[in-house]
Amino acid sequence: MAGLLPQYRLTIEPKELNFGYCAIQDIQSRSFKIRNTGDLETNIEWNSNEPFIIEPRECILPVDGIQTFTCSFQPQWALIYIGIATCIYGNQSVCELSLHGIGKFPHIIVRSDDGSIDENTGNILVRFGDMSMNGLLKREVILINQSAFRVPFRIESLPGVAKFDTAFRFGKTEGILEAGKRQTISVKFQPKACEQYYKDYFNVSIQQGNLVTAIVECSGRALGNCIEINHQKIMFGQVLAVRYSFFFDCRIIECIDRKFF
């Protein structure tokens, strides 16, 4: 008599993951599946090296069961990464998953709506000029991704500057620029005190790390309201002097608030 003992078998779909280009410090993810084609329930444990991370790292897979895994790629340097992730299962059997990815420095161009730039520092200038205390001005900055891959970004005040102290507000402070695309972001200037000059600096950087792409320099001055009247002198002519009367003569004075724009 002869018989076959139950065996451990797994099938990986696909057997290779290629992440292509990825901005350094960005995270890209791919999913894959493992099917238990054997005769026994089995434990699964993944071993991989950075910048590749597989989740979940461990699980139990029943017979004919399917488990979906996620592999994340987060390069820290502009290098070509080639790795092998090993899956240990059953009685210390091993199967492998090939991993490939390329870390690249992103190329984002930041411009103001009028193209102003400080030639000495390279800062992008967003200048609002003079405006009244109760006014609100809007300008724009344009972000252009000249990379062949997506680039996540964030805009934030320079370290040490409290967010509530600034008079400038960006309409969007984080997002993702797809390859070859551009995005226009509004900037608002709303001063909190009159007769004051405002200047603040903001970093445009890669969202997951500290790679600064550009520094945006915003400036503006708040002035007190200038009130004008339409007449410097009012003449009533001859008016009858009566102690008690239901008749009176009047003139209209217009007050004009000259705001700065």
C-alpha atoms as a PDB file:
ATOM      1  CA  MET A   1       0.000   0.000   0.000  1.00  0.00           C
ATOM      2  CA  ALA A   2       1.135   3.544  -0.726  1.00  0.00           C
ATOM      3  CA  GLY A   3      -0.155   6.998   0.193  1.00  0.00           C
ATOM      4  CA  LEU A   4       0.705  10.648  -0.078  1.00  0.00           C
ATOM      5  CA  LEU A   5       1.213  12.771   2.986  1.00  0.00           C
ATOM      6  CA  PRO A   6      -0.509  16.188   3.088  1.00  0.00           C
ATOM      7  CA  GLN A   7       1.737  18.942   1.818  1.00  0.00           C
ATOM      8  CA  TYR A   8       2.230  22.679   2.225  1.00  0.00           C
ATOM      9  CA  ARG A   9       1.962  24.700  -1.008  1.00  0.00           C
ATOM     10  CA  LEU A  10       1.533  28.390  -1.727  1.00  0.00           C
ATOM     11  CA  THR A  11       0.993  30.375  -4.922  1.00  0.00           C
ATOM     12  CA  ILE A  12       2.016  34.049  -5.145  1.00  0.00           C
ATOM     13  CA  GLU A  13       0.251  36.325  -7.657  1.00  0.00           C
ATOM     14  CA  PRO A  14       2.204  38.153  -9.053  1.00  0.00           C
ATOM     15  CA  LYS A  15       5.697  36.881  -8.286  1.00  0.00           C
ATOM     16  CA  GLU A  16       7.345  40.255  -8.953  1.00  0.00           C
ATOM     17  CA  LEU A  17       6.503  43.873  -8.033  1.00  0.00           C
ATOM     18  CA  ASN A  18       7.988  46.792  -9.958  1.00  0.00           C
ATOM     19  CA  PHE A  19       7.398  50.222  -8.415  1.00  0.00           C
ATOM     20  CA  GLY A  20       9.127  52.158 -11.182  1.00  0.00           C
ATOM     21  CA  TYR A  21      10.141  55.749 -10.342  1.00  0.00           C
ATOM     22  CA  CYS A  22       9.276  57.112  -6.913  1.00  0.00           C
ATOM     23  CA  ALA A  23      10.128  60.481  -5.351  1.00  0.00           C
ATOM     24  CA  ILE A  24      12.528  60.088  -2.455  1.00  0.00           C
ATOM     25  CA  GLN A  25      10.709  59.987   0.903  1.00  0.00           C
ATOM     26  CA  ASP A  26       7.392  59.389  -0.872  1.00  0.00           C
ATOM     27  CA  ILE A  27       5.501  56.129  -0.309  1.00  0.00           C
ATOM     28  CA  GLN A  28       4.098  53.974  -3.087  1.00  0.00           C
ATOM     29  CA  SER A  29       2.160  50.774  -2.500  1.00  0.00           C
ATOM     30  CA  ARG A  30       1.355  47.661  -4.504  1.00  0.00           C
ATOM     31  CA  SER A  31      -0.829  44.718  -3.540  1.00  0.00           C
ATOM     32  CA  PHE A  32      -0.409  41.007  -4.231  1.00  0.00           C
ATOM     33  CA  LYS A  33      -2.114  37.791  -3.175  1.00  0.00           C
ATOM     34  CA  ILE A  34      -1.126  34.430  -1.760  1.00  0.00           C
ATOM     35  CA  ARG A  35      -3.311  31.380  -2.246  1.00  0.00           C
ATOM     36  CA  ASN A  36      -2.978  28.249  -0.112  1.00  0.00           C
ATOM     37  CA  THR A  37      -3.027  25.458  -2.719  1.00  0.00           C
ATOM     38  CA  GLY A  38      -1.742  22.844  -0.269  1.00  0.00           C
ATOM     39  CA  ASP A  39      -3.499  20.320   1.953  1.00  0.00           C
ATOM     40  CA  LEU A  40      -2.844  21.966   5.322  1.00  0.00           C
ATOM     41  CA  GLU A  41      -3.517  25.230   7.084  1.00  0.00           C
ATOM     42  CA  THR A  42      -0.289  27.184   7.392  1.00  0.00           C
ATOM     43  CA  ASN A  43       1.331  30.096   9.179  1.00  0.00           C
ATOM     44  CA  ILE A  44       2.897  32.804   6.993  1.00  0.00           C
ATOM     45  CA  GLU A  45       5.733  35.121   7.981  1.00  0.00           C
ATOM     46  CA  TRP A  46       7.328  37.716   5.677  1.00  0.00           C
ATOM     47  CA  ASN A  47      10.918  38.971   5.856  1.00  0.00           C
ATOM     48  CA  SER A  48      11.921  42.005   3.799  1.00  0.00           C
ATOM     49  CA  ASN A  49      14.487  44.795   3.941  1.00  0.00           C
ATOM     50  CA  GLU A  50      13.979  48.545   3.731  1.00  0.00           C
ATOM     51  CA  PRO A  51      12.851  50.420   1.769  1.00  0.00           C
ATOM     52  CA  PHE A  52      10.330  47.606   1.145  1.00  0.00           C
ATOM     53  CA  ILE A  53       7.759  46.787   3.846  1.00  0.00           C
ATOM     54  CA  ILE A  54       5.109  44.067   3.593  1.00  0.00           C
ATOM     55  CA  GLU A  55       1.914  44.151   5.653  1.00  0.00           C
ATOM     56  CA  PRO A  56       0.545  42.163   7.317  1.00  0.00           C
ATOM     57  CA  ARG A  57       3.832  40.569   8.237  1.00  0.00           C
ATOM     58  CA  GLU A  58       2.228  37.434   9.687  1.00  0.00           C
ATOM     59  CA  CYS A  59      -1.050  35.588   9.206  1.00  0.00           C
ATOM     60  CA  ILE A  60      -2.670  32.144   9.203  1.00  0.00           C
ATOM     61  CA  LEU A  61      -3.968  30.907   5.855  1.00  0.00           C
ATOM     62  CA  PRO A  62      -6.512  28.054   5.697  1.00  0.00           C
ATOM     63  CA  VAL A  63      -6.674  25.519   2.886  1.00  0.00           C
ATOM     64  CA  ASP A  64      -7.886  27.167  -0.356  1.00  0.00           C
ATOM     65  CA  GLY A  65      -7.716  30.518   1.450  1.00  0.00           C
ATOM     66  CA  ILE A  66      -6.517  33.753  -0.176  1.00  0.00           C
ATOM     67  CA  GLN A  67      -4.739  36.577   1.634  1.00  0.00           C
ATOM     68  CA  THR A  68      -4.041  40.022   0.156  1.00  0.00           C
ATOM     69  CA  PHE A  69      -0.825  41.747   1.203  1.00  0.00           C
ATOM     70  CA  THR A  70       0.431  45.294   0.677  1.00  0.00           C
ATOM     71  CA  CYS A  71       4.057  46.087  -0.144  1.00  0.00           C
ATOM     72  CA  SER A  72       5.187  49.686   0.442  1.00  0.00           C
ATOM     73  CA  PHE A  73       8.217  51.305  -1.174  1.00  0.00           C
ATOM     74  CA  GLN A  74       9.726  54.407   0.492  1.00  0.00           C
ATOM     75  CA  PRO A  75      13.161  55.260  -0.920  1.00  0.00           C
ATOM     76  CA  GLN A  76      15.372  57.571   1.135  1.00  0.00           C
ATOM     77  CA  TRP A  77      17.979  58.101  -1.579  1.00  0.00           C
ATOM     78  CA  ALA A  78      18.096  58.481  -5.340  1.00  0.00           C
ATOM     79  CA  LEU A  79      19.150  54.881  -6.023  1.00  0.00           C
ATOM     80  CA  ILE A  80      18.027  51.742  -7.818  1.00  0.00           C
ATOM     81  CA  TYR A  81      16.612  49.274  -5.296  1.00  0.00           C
ATOM     82  CA  ILE A  82      16.400  45.531  -5.958  1.00  0.00           C
ATOM     83  CA  GLY A  83      15.209  43.233  -3.205  1.00  0.00           C
ATOM     84  CA  ILE A  84      13.881  39.803  -2.404  1.00  0.00           C
ATOM     85  CA  ALA A  85      11.138  39.292   0.172  1.00  0.00           C
ATOM     86  CA  THR A  86      11.001  35.783   1.633  1.00  0.00           C
ATOM     87  CA  CYS A  87       7.850  34.094   2.850  1.00  0.00           C
ATOM     88  CA  ILE A  88       8.358  31.350   5.466  1.00  0.00           C
ATOM     89  CA  TYR A  89       5.456  28.921   5.820  1.00  0.00           C
ATOM     90  CA  GLY A  90       4.573  25.377   6.850  1.00  0.00           C
ATOM     91  CA  ASN A  91       7.609  23.317   7.975  1.00  0.00           C
ATOM     92  CA  GLN A  92      10.064  26.197   7.241  1.00  0.00           C
ATOM     93  CA  SER A  93       9.420  26.136   3.512  1.00  0.00           C
ATOM     94  CA  VAL A  94      10.314  29.341   1.662  1.00  0.00           C
ATOM     95  CA  CYS A  95       8.895  31.192  -1.340  1.00  0.00           C
ATOM     96  CA  GLU A  96      10.169  34.499  -2.708  1.00  0.00           C
ATOM     97  CA  LEU A  97       8.818  37.745  -4.100  1.00  0.00           C
ATOM     98  CA  SER A  98      11.071  39.914  -6.316  1.00  0.00           C
ATOM     99  CA  LEU A  99      10.960  43.674  -5.670  1.00  0.00           C
ATOM    100  CA  HIS A 100      12.219  46.556  -7.824  1.00  0.00           C
ATOM    101  CA  GLY A 101      12.053  50.347  -7.481  1.00  0.00           C
ATOM    102  CA  ILE A 102      13.975  53.521  -8.305  1.00  0.00           C
ATOM    103  CA  GLY A 103      14.255  56.498  -5.973  1.00  0.00           C
ATOM    104  CA  LYS A 104      14.459  59.860  -7.741  1.00  0.00           C
ATOM    105  CA  PHE A 105      14.828  63.472  -6.692  1.00  0.00           C
ATOM    106  CA  PRO A 106      11.621  65.366  -7.579  1.00  0.00           C
ATOM    107  CA  HIS A 107      11.674  68.450  -9.783  1.00  0.00           C
ATOM    108  CA  ILE A 108       8.968  70.924  -8.763  1.00  0.00           C
ATOM    109  CA  ILE A 109       8.943  74.534  -9.989  1.00  0.00           C
ATOM    110  CA  VAL A 110       7.201  77.131  -7.815  1.00  0.00           C
ATOM    111  CA  ARG A 111       6.118  80.478  -9.289  1.00  0.00           C
ATOM    112  CA  SER A 112       4.124  83.479  -8.145  1.00  0.00           C
ATOM    113  CA  ASP A 113       1.333  84.772 -10.394  1.00  0.00           C
ATOM    114  CA  ASP A 114       3.531  87.661 -11.569  1.00  0.00           C
ATOM    115  CA  GLY A 115       6.741  85.610 -11.738  1.00  0.00           C
ATOM    116  CA  SER A 116       8.562  87.667  -9.077  1.00  0.00           C
ATOM    117  CA  ILE A 117      11.693  86.172  -7.515  1.00  0.00           C
ATOM    118  CA  ASP A 118      14.418  87.486  -5.244  1.00  0.00           C
ATOM    119  CA  GLU A 119      17.626  87.262  -7.282  1.00  0.00           C
ATOM    120  CA  ASN A 120      19.805  87.130  -4.166  1.00  0.00           C
ATOM    121  CA  THR A 121      17.993  84.470  -2.127  1.00  0.00           C
ATOM    122  CA  GLY A 122      15.958  82.701  -4.819  1.00  0.00           C
ATOM    123  CA  ASN A 123      12.785  83.161  -2.745  1.00  0.00           C
ATOM    124  CA  ILE A 124       9.469  83.251  -4.621  1.00  0.00           C
ATOM    125  CA  LEU A 125       7.924  86.677  -3.966  1.00  0.00           C
ATOM    126  CA  VAL A 126       4.211  87.138  -3.342  1.00  0.00           C
ATOM    127  CA  ARG A 127       3.775  90.882  -2.791  1.00  0.00           C
ATOM    128  CA  PHE A 128       0.378  92.254  -1.796  1.00  0.00           C
ATOM    129  CA  GLY A 129       1.363  95.906  -1.446  1.00  0.00           C
ATOM    130  CA  ASP A 130      -0.823  98.294   0.599  1.00  0.00           C
ATOM    131  CA  MET A 131      -4.367  97.557   1.667  1.00  0.00           C
ATOM    132  CA  SER A 132      -6.888  98.711   4.242  1.00  0.00           C
ATOM    133  CA  MET A 133      -7.220  97.060   7.610  1.00  0.00           C
ATOM    134  CA  ASN A 134     -10.617  95.478   6.864  1.00  0.00           C
ATOM    135  CA  GLY A 135      -9.725  94.353   3.378  1.00  0.00           C
ATOM    136  CA  LEU A 136      -8.858  90.969   1.896  1.00  0.00           C
ATOM    137  CA  LEU A 137      -6.471  90.439  -1.002  1.00  0.00           C
ATOM    138  CA  LYS A 138      -5.795  87.264  -2.966  1.00  0.00           C
ATOM    139  CA  ARG A 139      -2.774  86.233  -5.003  1.00  0.00           C
ATOM    140  CA  GLU A 140      -1.701  82.879  -6.423  1.00  0.00           C
ATOM    141  CA  VAL A 141       1.295  80.559  -6.520  1.00  0.00           C
ATOM    142  CA  ILE A 142       1.716  77.902  -9.192  1.00  0.00           C
ATOM    143  CA  LEU A 143       3.339  74.505  -8.573  1.00  0.00           C
ATOM    144  CA  ILE A 144       4.595  72.633 -11.652  1.00  0.00           C
ATOM    145  CA  ASN A 145       5.749  69.013 -11.461  1.00  0.00           C
ATOM    146  CA  GLN A 146       8.387  68.404 -14.133  1.00  0.00           C
ATOM    147  CA  SER A 147       9.146  64.912 -12.826  1.00  0.00           C
ATOM    148  CA  ALA A 148       8.110  61.675 -14.521  1.00  0.00           C
ATOM    149  CA  PHE A 149       6.365  60.535 -11.333  1.00  0.00           C
ATOM    150  CA  ARG A 150       3.934  61.902  -8.783  1.00  0.00           C
ATOM    151  CA  VAL A 151       5.214  64.164  -6.017  1.00  0.00           C
ATOM    152  CA  PRO A 152       3.366  64.807  -2.734  1.00  0.00           C
ATOM    153  CA  PHE A 153       3.917  68.289  -1.301  1.00  0.00           C
ATOM    154  CA  ARG A 154       3.123  70.428   1.718  1.00  0.00           C
ATOM    155  CA  ILE A 155       3.283  74.153   2.450  1.00  0.00           C
ATOM    156  CA  GLU A 156       4.052  75.306   5.976  1.00  0.00           C
ATOM    157  CA  SER A 157       5.499  78.230   7.900  1.00  0.00           C
ATOM    158  CA  LEU A 158       9.186  78.202   8.663  1.00  0.00           C
ATOM    159  CA  PRO A 159      10.030  76.506  11.988  1.00  0.00           C
ATOM    160  CA  GLY A 160       9.493  78.837  14.942  1.00  0.00           C
ATOM    161  CA  VAL A 161       6.638  80.824  13.353  1.00  0.00           C
ATOM    162  CA  ALA A 162       3.248  80.182  14.973  1.00  0.00           C
ATOM    163  CA  LYS A 163       0.454  79.634  12.461  1.00  0.00           C
ATOM    164  CA  PHE A 164      -1.945  81.992  14.252  1.00  0.00           C
ATOM    165  CA  ASP A 165       0.577  84.861  14.038  1.00  0.00           C
ATOM    166  CA  THR A 166       0.644  85.062  10.261  1.00  0.00           C
ATOM    167  CA  ALA A 167      -1.673  87.247   8.198  1.00  0.00           C
ATOM    168  CA  PHE A 168      -1.216  85.013   5.131  1.00  0.00           C
ATOM    169  CA  ARG A 169      -3.276  81.918   4.408  1.00  0.00           C
ATOM    170  CA  PHE A 170      -2.805  79.346   1.648  1.00  0.00           C
ATOM    171  CA  GLY A 171      -5.935  77.841   0.123  1.00  0.00           C
ATOM    172  CA  LYS A 172      -4.265  74.410   0.123  1.00  0.00           C
ATOM    173  CA  THR A 173      -1.351  73.295   2.280  1.00  0.00           C
ATOM    174  CA  GLU A 174      -0.813  69.725   1.090  1.00  0.00           C
ATOM    175  CA  GLY A 175      -1.584  67.508  -1.853  1.00  0.00           C
ATOM    176  CA  ILE A 176      -0.174  65.387  -4.669  1.00  0.00           C
ATOM    177  CA  LEU A 177       1.133  66.670  -7.990  1.00  0.00           C
ATOM    178  CA  GLU A 178       0.844  64.059 -10.695  1.00  0.00           C
ATOM    179  CA  ALA A 179       3.613  63.704 -13.261  1.00  0.00           C
ATOM    180  CA  GLY A 180       3.770  66.671 -15.653  1.00  0.00           C
ATOM    181  CA  LYS A 181       0.834  68.472 -13.997  1.00  0.00           C
ATOM    182  CA  ARG A 182       0.504  71.897 -12.395  1.00  0.00           C
ATOM    183  CA  GLN A 183      -1.609  73.230  -9.553  1.00  0.00           C
ATOM    184  CA  THR A 184      -2.641  76.794  -8.719  1.00  0.00           C
ATOM    185  CA  ILE A 185      -3.006  77.663  -5.028  1.00  0.00           C
ATOM    186  CA  SER A 186      -4.568  80.876  -3.739  1.00  0.00           C
ATOM    187  CA  VAL A 187      -2.866  82.981  -1.053  1.00  0.00           C
ATOM    188  CA  LYS A 188      -4.905  85.388   1.081  1.00  0.00           C
ATOM    189  CA  PHE A 189      -3.654  88.430   2.939  1.00  0.00           C
ATOM    190  CA  GLN A 190      -5.880  89.484   5.836  1.00  0.00           C
ATOM    191  CA  PRO A 191      -3.999  91.765   8.271  1.00  0.00           C
ATOM    192  CA  LYS A 192      -4.882  91.903  11.948  1.00  0.00           C
ATOM    193  CA  ALA A 193      -3.528  95.347  12.826  1.00  0.00           C
ATOM    194  CA  CYS A 194      -3.336  98.622  10.894  1.00  0.00           C
ATOM    195  CA  GLU A 195      -0.206 100.629  10.149  1.00  0.00           C
ATOM    196  CA  GLN A 196       1.866  97.455  10.170  1.00  0.00           C
ATOM    197  CA  TYR A 197       4.129  95.778   7.615  1.00  0.00           C
ATOM    198  CA  TYR A 198       3.855  91.997   7.324  1.00  0.00           C
ATOM    199  CA  LYS A 199       6.392  89.547   5.942  1.00  0.00           C
ATOM    200  CA  ASP A 200       6.344  85.767   6.390  1.00  0.00           C
ATOM    201  CA  TYR A 201       8.184  82.833   4.839  1.00  0.00           C
ATOM    202  CA  PHE A 202       6.757  79.443   3.854  1.00  0.00           C
ATOM    203  CA  ASN A 203       8.471  76.206   2.838  1.00  0.00           C
ATOM    204  CA  VAL A 204       7.224  74.185  -0.111  1.00  0.00           C
ATOM    205  CA  SER A 205       8.565  70.717   0.634  1.00  0.00           C
ATOM    206  CA  ILE A 206       8.070  67.025  -0.025  1.00  0.00           C
ATOM    207  CA  GLN A 207       5.175  65.883   2.128  1.00  0.00           C
ATOM    208  CA  GLN A 208       6.818  62.834   3.714  1.00  0.00           C
ATOM    209  CA  GLY A 209      10.219  64.381   4.404  1.00  0.00           C
ATOM    210  CA  ASN A 210      12.209  67.566   4.808  1.00  0.00           C
ATOM    211  CA  LEU A 211      13.372  68.166   1.235  1.00  0.00           C
ATOM    212  CA  VAL A 212      12.564  71.861   0.636  1.00  0.00           C
ATOM    213  CA  THR A 213      11.725  72.681  -2.986  1.00  0.00           C
ATOM    214  CA  ALA A 214      11.263  76.458  -2.610  1.00  0.00           C
ATOM    215  CA  ILE A 215      10.692  79.227  -0.075  1.00  0.00           C
ATOM    216  CA  VAL A 216       7.737  81.539  -0.651  1.00  0.00           C
ATOM    217  CA  GLU A 217       8.132  85.055   0.764  1.00  0.00           C
ATOM    218  CA  CYS A 218       4.816  86.855   1.356  1.00  0.00           C
ATOM    219  CA  SER A 219       4.676  90.566   2.178  1.00  0.00           C
ATOM    220  CA  GLY A 220       2.091  93.315   2.542  1.00  0.00           C
ATOM    221  CA  ARG A 221       1.234  96.424   4.534  1.00  0.00           C
ATOM    222  CA  ALA A 222      -2.005  97.250   6.342  1.00  0.00           C
ATOM    223  CA  LEU A 223      -3.064 100.888   6.370  1.00  0.00           C
ATOM    224  CA  GLY A 224      -5.778 102.612   8.375  1.00  0.00           C
ATOM    225  CA  ASN A 225      -8.941 103.558   6.533  1.00  0.00           C
ATOM    226  CA  CYS A 226      -8.937 106.947   4.837  1.00  0.00           C
ATOM    227  CA  ILE A 227     -12.300 108.692   5.228  1.00  0.00           C
ATOM    228  CA  GLU A 228     -13.248 111.560   2.917  1.00  0.00           C
ATOM    229  CA  ILE A 229     -16.303 113.808   2.850  1.00  0.00           C
ATOM    230  CA  ASN A 230     -17.711 115.215  -0.352  1.00  0.00           C
ATOM    231  CA  HIS A 231     -18.048 118.803   0.941  1.00  0.00           C
ATOM    232  CA  GLN A 232     -15.490 120.934   2.776  1.00  0.00           C
ATOM    233  CA  LYS A 233     -18.020 123.715   3.413  1.00  0.00           C
ATOM    234  CA  ILE A 234     -21.820 123.702   3.724  1.00  0.00           C
ATOM    235  CA  MET A 235     -23.864 126.827   3.067  1.00  0.00           C
ATOM    236  CA  PHE A 236     -27.453 127.081   4.326  1.00  0.00           C
ATOM    237  CA  GLY A 237     -28.085 130.598   3.105  1.00  0.00           C
ATOM    238  CA  GLN A 238     -30.770 132.630   4.900  1.00  0.00           C
ATOM    239  CA  VAL A 239     -32.814 130.645   7.383  1.00  0.00           C
ATOM    240  CA  LEU A 240     -35.799 131.956   9.361  1.00  0.00           C
ATOM    241  CA  ALA A 241     -34.972 131.990  13.074  1.00  0.00           C
ATOM    242  CA  VAL A 242     -38.028 130.486  14.808  1.00  0.00           C
ATOM    243  CA  ARG A 243     -37.942 128.997  18.280  1.00  0.00           C
ATOM    244  CA  TYR A 244     -40.421 126.256  17.528  1.00  0.00           C
ATOM    245  CA  SER A 245     -40.945 125.121  13.936  1.00  0.00           C
ATOM    246  CA  PHE A 246     -41.787 121.984  12.026  1.00  0.00           C
ATOM    247  CA  PHE A 247     -39.825 123.256   9.054  1.00  0.00           C
ATOM    248  CA  PHE A 248     -36.047 123.012   8.747  1.00  0.00           C
ATOM    249  CA  ASP A 249     -33.378 123.146   6.092  1.00  0.00           C
ATOM    250  CA  CYS A 250     -30.869 120.288   5.657  1.00  0.00           C
ATOM    251  CA  ARG A 251     -27.875 119.257   3.574  1.00  0.00           C
ATOM    252  CA  ILE A 252     -26.423 115.794   2.876  1.00  0.00           C
ATOM    253  CA  ILE A 253     -22.812 114.909   3.585  1.00  0.00           C
ATOM    254  CA  GLU A 254     -21.328 111.786   2.051  1.00  0.00           C
ATOM    255  CA  CYS A 255     -18.519 109.935   3.838  1.00  0.00           C
ATOM    256  CA  ILE A 256     -16.326 107.871   1.527  1.00  0.00           C
ATOM    257  CA  ASP A 257     -14.000 105.129   2.702  1.00  0.00           C
ATOM    258  CA  ARG A 258     -10.980 105.161   0.370  1.00  0.00           C
ATOM    259  CA  LYS A 259      -9.715 101.600   0.537  1.00  0.00           C
ATOM    260  CA  PHE A 260      -6.410 100.416  -0.862  1.00  0.00           C
ATOM    261  CA  PHE A 261      -6.387  97.641  -3.431  1.00  0.00           C
END
